[in-house]
Protein backbone atom coordinates (compact mmCIF):
# COMPACT_ATOMS: atom_id res chain seq x y z
CA MET A 1 3.46 -22.73 -18.84
CA SER A 2 6.69 -24.31 -17.75
CA ILE A 3 7.38 -27.53 -15.89
CA SER A 4 10.43 -28.24 -13.78
CA LYS A 5 12.36 -31.50 -13.51
CA ASP A 6 11.07 -31.92 -9.96
CA GLU A 7 7.47 -31.57 -11.11
CA LEU A 8 8.10 -34.07 -13.89
CA VAL A 9 9.56 -36.56 -11.40
CA ASP A 10 6.54 -36.04 -9.11
CA VAL A 11 4.09 -36.67 -12.00
CA ALA A 12 6.09 -39.71 -13.12
CA ASN A 13 6.00 -41.13 -9.58
CA LEU A 14 2.24 -40.59 -9.36
CA ALA A 15 1.82 -42.39 -12.70
CA ARG A 16 4.17 -45.14 -11.54
CA LEU A 17 6.57 -44.43 -14.40
CA GLY A 18 10.25 -45.10 -14.02
CA LEU A 19 12.03 -42.33 -15.88
CA PRO A 20 15.78 -42.73 -16.35
CA GLU A 21 17.76 -39.87 -14.84
CA ASP A 22 19.57 -39.20 -18.14
CA SER A 23 16.23 -38.69 -19.96
CA LEU A 24 14.71 -36.12 -17.60
CA ASP A 25 15.82 -33.13 -19.71
CA LYS A 26 14.27 -34.65 -22.84
CA TYR A 27 10.98 -35.52 -21.12
CA THR A 28 10.79 -32.15 -19.37
CA SER A 29 11.20 -30.39 -22.70
CA GLU A 30 8.61 -32.59 -24.43
CA LEU A 31 6.03 -32.24 -21.66
CA ASP A 32 6.64 -28.49 -21.56
CA SER A 33 5.92 -28.32 -25.32
CA ILE A 34 2.70 -30.27 -24.87
CA LEU A 35 1.53 -28.06 -22.00
CA ASN A 36 2.33 -24.91 -24.00
CA TYR A 37 0.30 -26.23 -26.91
CA VAL A 38 -2.67 -26.99 -24.64
CA GLN A 39 -2.37 -23.49 -23.19
CA ARG A 40 -2.49 -22.05 -26.72
CA LEU A 41 -5.60 -24.12 -27.48
CA SER A 42 -7.36 -22.89 -24.35
CA GLY A 43 -7.03 -19.34 -25.65
CA VAL A 44 -8.93 -20.06 -28.88
CA ASP A 45 -12.32 -18.35 -29.09
CA THR A 46 -14.92 -21.06 -29.71
CA SER A 47 -17.97 -19.01 -28.80
CA ASN A 48 -19.26 -19.02 -32.40
CA VAL A 49 -18.54 -22.70 -33.03
CA ASP A 50 -21.44 -25.12 -32.95
CA PRO A 51 -20.91 -28.31 -30.98
CA LEU A 52 -20.20 -31.33 -33.13
CA ILE A 53 -22.36 -33.74 -31.16
CA HIS A 54 -25.04 -33.24 -28.57
CA SER A 55 -28.15 -35.07 -27.43
CA GLU A 56 -30.50 -33.25 -29.80
CA SER A 57 -28.45 -33.89 -32.93
CA GLU A 58 -30.08 -35.74 -35.84
CA ASP A 59 -27.11 -38.12 -35.81
CA TYR A 60 -27.47 -38.85 -32.12
CA THR A 61 -27.61 -42.56 -31.36
CA PRO A 62 -29.58 -43.14 -28.19
CA LEU A 63 -28.64 -45.84 -25.74
CA ARG A 64 -30.67 -49.01 -25.96
CA LEU A 65 -33.61 -49.35 -23.64
CA ASP A 66 -32.94 -51.26 -20.47
CA GLU A 67 -35.34 -54.12 -21.06
CA GLN A 68 -35.49 -57.47 -19.36
CA ASN A 69 -34.52 -60.26 -21.74
CA ASN A 70 -36.43 -63.48 -22.07
CA LEU A 71 -34.58 -65.96 -19.84
CA ASN A 72 -35.01 -68.81 -22.32
CA GLU A 73 -33.43 -66.73 -25.10
CA VAL A 74 -30.49 -65.81 -22.86
CA GLN A 75 -29.93 -69.43 -21.86
CA ALA A 76 -30.16 -70.60 -25.49
CA PHE A 77 -27.64 -67.95 -26.55
CA ARG A 78 -25.31 -68.92 -23.72
CA ASP A 79 -25.60 -72.62 -24.53
CA ASP A 80 -24.92 -72.00 -28.24
CA PHE A 81 -21.92 -69.90 -27.29
CA LEU A 82 -20.52 -72.50 -24.89
CA ASP A 83 -21.07 -75.31 -27.42
CA ASN A 84 -18.30 -73.72 -29.52
CA ALA A 85 -15.77 -73.75 -26.67
CA PRO A 86 -13.14 -76.51 -26.54
CA GLN A 87 -13.83 -77.13 -22.83
CA THR A 88 -16.47 -75.91 -20.43
CA GLU A 89 -17.28 -76.38 -16.78
CA GLY A 90 -20.86 -75.62 -15.91
CA HIS A 91 -21.74 -72.32 -17.56
CA PHE A 92 -18.10 -71.21 -17.88
CA PHE A 93 -15.18 -71.59 -20.25
CA LYS A 94 -12.48 -73.92 -18.97
CA VAL A 95 -8.99 -72.73 -19.84
CA PRO A 96 -5.51 -74.02 -19.01
CA LYS A 97 -3.86 -72.68 -15.88
CA ILE A 98 -1.37 -69.92 -16.70
CA GLY A 99 0.50 -69.35 -13.45
CA ASP A 100 1.13 -70.91 -10.07
């Protein structure tokens, strides 16, 4: 697979990257090397390779159950957490203003 300078500029514009004009050859070459490597990897036969992780694995960590928490416990946790803050306002941290 090969990539042209124009394609590189298009991708850079989509990614909102400002590439200097004098570096386009370097970046084109590097991206071309990466794409060629990925193309080589896609040709590897993995049909006899077992997946490393899947939902039935013994090492699978399930997501926690979506359970409703006790409101009093949540409020106590929040209050303990806010007690350690230098300044609070209601149930929120109060921080210095950064910008205008």
